[in-house]
Amino acid sequence: MAATGFDPERAAAVIAGALHGPGGPGLVFTVFAAVPGAVRTPARRGLFRSAPERLQLGDWRYEVTADQRISAAHMVNGIVLAEEVLTASAVGPHVARALAGVVDGFGPPALPQIEAALEILETAA
């Protein structure tokens, strides 16, 4: 556990379990939208344009791909520097690292929202 009180190993396990649960990525994206600095964009489907569901946590933007996997893009000032589709086992630790970055950026006041989101995911799974 980090000195801030955030436990990335626990967070990674909870997130991984929730991704495979009944709510899937949509539930994970929705509960983390309440975290300070997070931005959730719901999926949009249209005749000529569509956009996947997205969640931005700190410098990372996560998207649900067409085949229901998660892609992660490292963003700086709105510019994508790197992008990859994560394996199922890599999503939990990756999102946990992004949450650790949020805790580093926003400090201890961000912990209650992150803990609440993790509790929701634990009870949903």
N, C-alpha and C. Protein backbone atom coordinates (compact mmCIF):
# COMPACT_ATOMS: atom_id res chain seq x y z
N MET A 1 0.84 -1.18 0.00
CA MET A 1 0.00 0.00 0.00
C MET A 1 0.89 1.23 0.00
N ALA A 2 0.52 2.21 -0.79
CA ALA A 2 1.29 3.44 -0.89
C ALA A 2 1.08 4.28 0.35
N ALA A 3 1.96 5.25 0.53
CA ALA A 3 1.87 6.13 1.70
C ALA A 3 0.58 6.95 1.68
N THR A 4 -0.01 7.11 0.51
CA THR A 4 -1.25 7.90 0.40
C THR A 4 -2.47 7.13 0.86
N GLY A 5 -2.36 5.82 1.01
CA GLY A 5 -3.50 5.00 1.39
C GLY A 5 -4.13 4.30 0.20
N PHE A 6 -3.66 4.55 -1.00
CA PHE A 6 -4.19 3.89 -2.20
C PHE A 6 -3.45 2.57 -2.40
N ASP A 7 -4.20 1.49 -2.59
CA ASP A 7 -3.63 0.16 -2.79
C ASP A 7 -3.83 -0.26 -4.24
N PRO A 8 -2.82 -0.09 -5.11
CA PRO A 8 -3.01 -0.41 -6.53
C PRO A 8 -3.25 -1.89 -6.80
N GLU A 9 -2.70 -2.79 -5.96
CA GLU A 9 -2.93 -4.21 -6.18
C GLU A 9 -4.39 -4.56 -5.95
N ARG A 10 -4.97 -4.03 -4.89
CA ARG A 10 -6.40 -4.26 -4.61
C ARG A 10 -7.24 -3.66 -5.72
N ALA A 11 -6.91 -2.45 -6.13
CA ALA A 11 -7.66 -1.78 -7.20
C ALA A 11 -7.62 -2.60 -8.48
N ALA A 12 -6.44 -3.11 -8.84
CA ALA A 12 -6.31 -3.90 -10.06
C ALA A 12 -7.17 -5.16 -10.00
N ALA A 13 -7.20 -5.83 -8.85
CA ALA A 13 -8.00 -7.04 -8.70
C ALA A 13 -9.49 -6.74 -8.78
N VAL A 14 -9.92 -5.66 -8.14
CA VAL A 14 -11.34 -5.29 -8.17
C VAL A 14 -11.77 -4.92 -9.59
N ILE A 15 -10.95 -4.15 -10.28
CA ILE A 15 -11.27 -3.72 -11.64
C ILE A 15 -11.33 -4.92 -12.58
N ALA A 16 -10.36 -5.82 -12.46
CA ALA A 16 -10.35 -7.02 -13.32
C ALA A 16 -11.60 -7.85 -13.08
N GLY A 17 -12.00 -8.01 -11.83
CA GLY A 17 -13.21 -8.77 -11.52
C GLY A 17 -14.46 -8.11 -12.06
N ALA A 18 -14.52 -6.80 -11.97
CA ALA A 18 -15.70 -6.07 -12.45
C ALA A 18 -15.81 -6.10 -13.97
N LEU A 19 -14.68 -6.09 -14.65
CA LEU A 19 -14.71 -6.13 -16.12
C LEU A 19 -15.33 -7.43 -16.63
N HIS A 20 -15.14 -8.51 -15.87
CA HIS A 20 -15.68 -9.80 -16.28
C HIS A 20 -17.05 -10.07 -15.67
N GLY A 21 -17.55 -9.13 -14.89
CA GLY A 21 -18.85 -9.28 -14.24
C GLY A 21 -19.99 -8.83 -15.13
N PRO A 22 -21.17 -8.74 -14.57
CA PRO A 22 -22.36 -8.41 -15.36
C PRO A 22 -22.35 -7.00 -15.97
N GLY A 23 -21.72 -6.05 -15.32
CA GLY A 23 -21.71 -4.67 -15.84
C GLY A 23 -20.67 -4.43 -16.91
N GLY A 24 -19.58 -5.19 -16.87
CA GLY A 24 -18.52 -5.07 -17.85
C GLY A 24 -17.86 -3.71 -17.86
N PRO A 25 -17.27 -3.36 -19.01
CA PRO A 25 -16.56 -2.08 -19.11
C PRO A 25 -17.47 -0.88 -18.86
N GLY A 26 -18.72 -0.96 -19.25
CA GLY A 26 -19.62 0.17 -19.04
C GLY A 26 -19.76 0.55 -17.58
N LEU A 27 -19.87 -0.46 -16.72
CA LEU A 27 -19.98 -0.21 -15.29
C LEU A 27 -18.68 0.40 -14.75
N VAL A 28 -17.55 -0.15 -15.17
CA VAL A 28 -16.26 0.36 -14.70
C VAL A 28 -16.09 1.82 -15.12
N PHE A 29 -16.40 2.13 -16.37
CA PHE A 29 -16.27 3.50 -16.85
C PHE A 29 -17.21 4.44 -16.09
N THR A 30 -18.42 3.99 -15.82
CA THR A 30 -19.41 4.83 -15.15
C THR A 30 -19.01 5.15 -13.72
N VAL A 31 -18.56 4.15 -12.95
CA VAL A 31 -18.23 4.44 -11.55
C VAL A 31 -16.96 5.29 -11.42
N PHE A 32 -16.02 5.15 -12.34
CA PHE A 32 -14.81 5.96 -12.24
C PHE A 32 -15.02 7.37 -12.81
N ALA A 33 -16.16 7.63 -13.41
CA ALA A 33 -16.45 8.98 -13.90
C ALA A 33 -16.57 9.98 -12.75
N ALA A 34 -16.83 9.48 -11.52
CA ALA A 34 -16.96 10.36 -10.35
C ALA A 34 -15.61 10.72 -9.73
N VAL A 35 -14.55 10.12 -10.20
CA VAL A 35 -13.21 10.39 -9.67
C VAL A 35 -12.77 11.77 -10.14
N PRO A 36 -12.13 12.56 -9.28
CA PRO A 36 -11.68 13.90 -9.68
C PRO A 36 -10.82 13.85 -10.94
N GLY A 37 -11.12 14.71 -11.87
CA GLY A 37 -10.35 14.81 -13.11
C GLY A 37 -10.76 13.81 -14.18
N ALA A 38 -11.66 12.89 -13.87
CA ALA A 38 -12.08 11.88 -14.84
C ALA A 38 -13.15 12.46 -15.76
N VAL A 39 -13.11 12.02 -17.01
CA VAL A 39 -14.10 12.45 -18.00
C VAL A 39 -14.61 11.21 -18.71
N ARG A 40 -15.93 10.98 -18.63
CA ARG A 40 -16.54 9.83 -19.31
C ARG A 40 -17.37 10.35 -20.48
N THR A 41 -17.19 9.70 -21.63
CA THR A 41 -17.96 10.03 -22.81
C THR A 41 -18.73 8.78 -23.22
N PRO A 42 -20.07 8.82 -23.16
CA PRO A 42 -20.82 7.63 -23.55
C PRO A 42 -20.68 7.35 -25.04
N ALA A 43 -20.91 6.10 -25.41
CA ALA A 43 -20.84 5.72 -26.82
C ALA A 43 -21.93 6.44 -27.60
N ARG A 44 -21.62 6.80 -28.83
CA ARG A 44 -22.60 7.41 -29.73
C ARG A 44 -22.64 6.58 -31.00
N ARG A 45 -23.84 6.28 -31.41
CA ARG A 45 -24.02 5.52 -32.63
C ARG A 45 -24.94 6.31 -33.55
N GLY A 46 -24.54 6.42 -34.79
CA GLY A 46 -25.34 7.15 -35.75
C GLY A 46 -25.19 6.54 -37.13
N LEU A 47 -25.92 7.09 -38.06
CA LEU A 47 -25.89 6.57 -39.41
C LEU A 47 -24.55 6.81 -40.08
N PHE A 48 -23.99 8.01 -39.90
CA PHE A 48 -22.74 8.35 -40.57
C PHE A 48 -21.53 8.37 -39.65
N ARG A 49 -21.76 8.54 -38.35
CA ARG A 49 -20.65 8.61 -37.40
C ARG A 49 -20.98 7.81 -36.15
N SER A 50 -19.96 7.27 -35.57
CA SER A 50 -20.12 6.63 -34.27
C SER A 50 -18.83 6.86 -33.49
N ALA A 51 -18.96 6.80 -32.18
CA ALA A 51 -17.80 6.98 -31.30
C ALA A 51 -17.92 5.99 -30.15
N PRO A 52 -16.82 5.36 -29.79
CA PRO A 52 -16.87 4.38 -28.70
C PRO A 52 -17.01 5.05 -27.34
N GLU A 53 -17.41 4.27 -26.36
CA GLU A 53 -17.45 4.76 -24.99
C GLU A 53 -16.02 5.03 -24.54
N ARG A 54 -15.82 6.15 -23.83
CA ARG A 54 -14.46 6.54 -23.42
C ARG A 54 -14.45 6.98 -21.95
N LEU A 55 -13.29 6.78 -21.35
CA LEU A 55 -13.03 7.28 -20.00
C LEU A 55 -11.61 7.81 -19.98
N GLN A 56 -11.47 9.06 -19.56
CA GLN A 56 -10.13 9.63 -19.40
C GLN A 56 -9.82 9.76 -17.93
N LEU A 57 -8.71 9.14 -17.53
CA LEU A 57 -8.20 9.21 -16.15
C LEU A 57 -6.79 9.77 -16.22
N GLY A 58 -6.62 10.97 -15.81
CA GLY A 58 -5.29 11.58 -15.86
C GLY A 58 -4.80 11.67 -17.29
N ASP A 59 -3.64 11.10 -17.56
CA ASP A 59 -3.04 11.14 -18.90
C ASP A 59 -3.47 9.98 -19.78
N TRP A 60 -4.40 9.16 -19.32
CA TRP A 60 -4.80 7.96 -20.06
C TRP A 60 -6.26 8.03 -20.48
N ARG A 61 -6.51 7.68 -21.74
CA ARG A 61 -7.87 7.58 -22.26
C ARG A 61 -8.14 6.11 -22.59
N TYR A 62 -9.21 5.59 -22.05
CA TYR A 62 -9.61 4.20 -22.28
C TYR A 62 -10.86 4.18 -23.15
N GLU A 63 -10.89 3.26 -24.13
CA GLU A 63 -12.03 3.12 -25.03
C GLU A 63 -12.42 1.66 -25.12
N VAL A 64 -13.71 1.43 -25.29
CA VAL A 64 -14.20 0.08 -25.55
C VAL A 64 -14.16 -0.11 -27.07
N THR A 65 -13.43 -1.13 -27.52
CA THR A 65 -13.31 -1.38 -28.95
C THR A 65 -14.55 -2.11 -29.46
N ALA A 66 -14.66 -2.26 -30.76
CA ALA A 66 -15.82 -2.93 -31.37
C ALA A 66 -15.95 -4.37 -30.90
N ASP A 67 -14.83 -5.01 -30.57
CA ASP A 67 -14.88 -6.40 -30.09
C ASP A 67 -14.86 -6.49 -28.56
N GLN A 68 -15.26 -5.38 -27.90
CA GLN A 68 -15.43 -5.31 -26.44
C GLN A 68 -14.12 -5.46 -25.66
N ARG A 69 -13.01 -5.15 -26.27
CA ARG A 69 -11.75 -5.07 -25.54
C ARG A 69 -11.53 -3.61 -25.15
N ILE A 70 -10.49 -3.35 -24.38
CA ILE A 70 -10.19 -1.99 -23.93
C ILE A 70 -8.89 -1.54 -24.59
N SER A 71 -8.93 -0.35 -25.18
CA SER A 71 -7.70 0.23 -25.71
C SER A 71 -7.32 1.39 -24.79
N ALA A 72 -6.03 1.59 -24.64
CA ALA A 72 -5.51 2.67 -23.80
C ALA A 72 -4.65 3.59 -24.66
N ALA A 73 -4.87 4.88 -24.51
CA ALA A 73 -4.09 5.87 -25.24
C ALA A 73 -3.46 6.83 -24.23
N HIS A 74 -2.17 7.03 -24.36
CA HIS A 74 -1.48 8.01 -23.51
C HIS A 74 -1.59 9.36 -24.18
N MET A 75 -2.19 10.31 -23.45
CA MET A 75 -2.46 11.62 -24.02
C MET A 75 -1.75 12.72 -23.24
N VAL A 76 -1.22 13.68 -23.98
CA VAL A 76 -0.62 14.87 -23.38
C VAL A 76 -1.15 16.07 -24.15
N ASN A 77 -1.79 16.97 -23.45
CA ASN A 77 -2.38 18.17 -24.06
C ASN A 77 -3.31 17.83 -25.22
N GLY A 78 -4.08 16.76 -25.08
CA GLY A 78 -5.05 16.38 -26.10
C GLY A 78 -4.46 15.65 -27.29
N ILE A 79 -3.16 15.36 -27.25
CA ILE A 79 -2.50 14.65 -28.35
C ILE A 79 -2.19 13.23 -27.91
N VAL A 80 -2.57 12.26 -28.72
CA VAL A 80 -2.30 10.85 -28.42
C VAL A 80 -0.85 10.55 -28.78
N LEU A 81 -0.06 10.17 -27.77
CA LEU A 81 1.34 9.84 -27.99
C LEU A 81 1.54 8.36 -28.28
N ALA A 82 0.73 7.52 -27.65
CA ALA A 82 0.83 6.07 -27.85
C ALA A 82 -0.53 5.46 -27.59
N GLU A 83 -0.81 4.37 -28.30
CA GLU A 83 -2.09 3.71 -28.14
C GLU A 83 -1.88 2.21 -28.30
N GLU A 84 -2.58 1.44 -27.46
CA GLU A 84 -2.50 -0.02 -27.56
C GLU A 84 -3.80 -0.64 -27.07
N VAL A 85 -4.10 -1.82 -27.60
CA VAL A 85 -5.24 -2.59 -27.12
C VAL A 85 -4.71 -3.49 -26.02
N LEU A 86 -5.32 -3.39 -24.85
CA LEU A 86 -4.84 -4.13 -23.69
C LEU A 86 -5.38 -5.55 -23.67
N THR A 87 -4.58 -6.47 -23.16
CA THR A 87 -5.06 -7.82 -22.94
C THR A 87 -5.98 -7.80 -21.72
N ALA A 88 -6.81 -8.81 -21.60
CA ALA A 88 -7.76 -8.84 -20.47
C ALA A 88 -7.04 -8.77 -19.13
N SER A 89 -5.89 -9.42 -19.01
CA SER A 89 -5.17 -9.42 -17.74
C SER A 89 -4.44 -8.10 -17.47
N ALA A 90 -4.25 -7.28 -18.48
CA ALA A 90 -3.51 -6.03 -18.31
C ALA A 90 -4.40 -4.84 -17.96
N VAL A 91 -5.70 -4.96 -18.16
CA VAL A 91 -6.59 -3.80 -17.96
C VAL A 91 -6.61 -3.36 -16.50
N GLY A 92 -6.81 -4.28 -15.57
CA GLY A 92 -6.88 -3.93 -14.15
C GLY A 92 -5.64 -3.19 -13.66
N PRO A 93 -4.43 -3.76 -13.86
CA PRO A 93 -3.24 -3.04 -13.42
C PRO A 93 -3.03 -1.70 -14.14
N HIS A 94 -3.40 -1.63 -15.41
CA HIS A 94 -3.23 -0.38 -16.16
C HIS A 94 -4.12 0.72 -15.60
N VAL A 95 -5.39 0.41 -15.36
CA VAL A 95 -6.31 1.41 -14.80
C VAL A 95 -5.89 1.77 -13.37
N ALA A 96 -5.40 0.79 -12.61
CA ALA A 96 -4.93 1.06 -11.25
C ALA A 96 -3.76 2.05 -11.27
N ARG A 97 -2.85 1.91 -12.24
CA ARG A 97 -1.75 2.86 -12.35
C ARG A 97 -2.27 4.26 -12.70
N ALA A 98 -3.27 4.32 -13.57
CA ALA A 98 -3.86 5.63 -13.91
C ALA A 98 -4.51 6.25 -12.68
N LEU A 99 -5.18 5.42 -11.86
CA LEU A 99 -5.78 5.93 -10.62
C LEU A 99 -4.71 6.40 -9.64
N ALA A 100 -3.58 5.71 -9.60
CA ALA A 100 -2.47 6.15 -8.74
C ALA A 100 -1.98 7.52 -9.20
N GLY A 101 -1.97 7.75 -10.51
CA GLY A 101 -1.60 9.06 -11.04
C GLY A 101 -2.60 10.13 -10.64
N VAL A 102 -3.88 9.77 -10.59
CA VAL A 102 -4.91 10.72 -10.14
C VAL A 102 -4.67 11.06 -8.67
N VAL A 103 -4.36 10.06 -7.85
CA VAL A 103 -4.08 10.30 -6.44
C VAL A 103 -2.86 11.20 -6.30
N ASP A 104 -1.82 10.96 -7.10
CA ASP A 104 -0.63 11.82 -7.06
C ASP A 104 -0.97 13.25 -7.46
N GLY A 105 -1.83 13.41 -8.45
CA GLY A 105 -2.17 14.75 -8.94
C GLY A 105 -3.14 15.51 -8.04
N PHE A 106 -4.15 14.80 -7.52
CA PHE A 106 -5.18 15.47 -6.73
C PHE A 106 -4.97 15.32 -5.23
N GLY A 107 -4.10 14.40 -4.84
CA GLY A 107 -3.79 14.21 -3.42
C GLY A 107 -4.84 13.41 -2.68
N PRO A 108 -4.72 13.37 -1.36
CA PRO A 108 -5.64 12.58 -0.53
C PRO A 108 -7.13 12.89 -0.70
N PRO A 109 -7.54 14.10 -1.09
CA PRO A 109 -8.98 14.32 -1.28
C PRO A 109 -9.61 13.44 -2.37
N ALA A 110 -8.81 12.88 -3.27
CA ALA A 110 -9.35 12.01 -4.32
C ALA A 110 -9.63 10.61 -3.81
N LEU A 111 -9.02 10.22 -2.69
CA LEU A 111 -9.16 8.85 -2.20
C LEU A 111 -10.59 8.43 -1.87
N PRO A 112 -11.41 9.27 -1.23
CA PRO A 112 -12.78 8.81 -0.94
C PRO A 112 -13.58 8.43 -2.19
N GLN A 113 -13.45 9.20 -3.27
CA GLN A 113 -14.17 8.88 -4.49
C GLN A 113 -13.65 7.59 -5.12
N ILE A 114 -12.34 7.39 -5.10
CA ILE A 114 -11.77 6.17 -5.66
C ILE A 114 -12.19 4.97 -4.83
N GLU A 115 -12.13 5.09 -3.52
CA GLU A 115 -12.54 3.98 -2.65
C GLU A 115 -14.02 3.67 -2.83
N ALA A 116 -14.85 4.70 -2.97
CA ALA A 116 -16.28 4.47 -3.19
C ALA A 116 -16.52 3.74 -4.51
N ALA A 117 -15.79 4.13 -5.55
CA ALA A 117 -15.92 3.46 -6.85
C ALA A 117 -15.50 2.00 -6.74
N LEU A 118 -14.42 1.74 -6.03
CA LEU A 118 -13.96 0.35 -5.86
C LEU A 118 -14.96 -0.48 -5.07
N GLU A 119 -15.57 0.12 -4.05
CA GLU A 119 -16.59 -0.60 -3.28
C GLU A 119 -17.81 -0.94 -4.13
N ILE A 120 -18.21 -0.02 -4.99
CA ILE A 120 -19.33 -0.28 -5.90
C ILE A 120 -18.98 -1.44 -6.82
N LEU A 121 -17.78 -1.43 -7.36
CA LEU A 121 -17.38 -2.53 -8.25
C LEU A 121 -17.29 -3.85 -7.52
N GLU A 122 -16.83 -3.83 -6.26
CA GLU A 122 -16.77 -5.07 -5.47
C GLU A 122 -18.16 -5.65 -5.23
N THR A 123 -19.11 -4.80 -4.90
CA THR A 123 -20.45 -5.31 -4.61
C THR A 123 -21.17 -5.73 -5.89
N ALA A 124 -20.83 -5.11 -7.03
CA ALA A 124 -21.49 -5.47 -8.29
C ALA A 124 -20.98 -6.80 -8.83
N ALA A 125 -19.76 -7.16 -8.47
CA ALA A 125 -19.16 -8.39 -9.01
C ALA A 125 -19.50 -9.57 -8.20
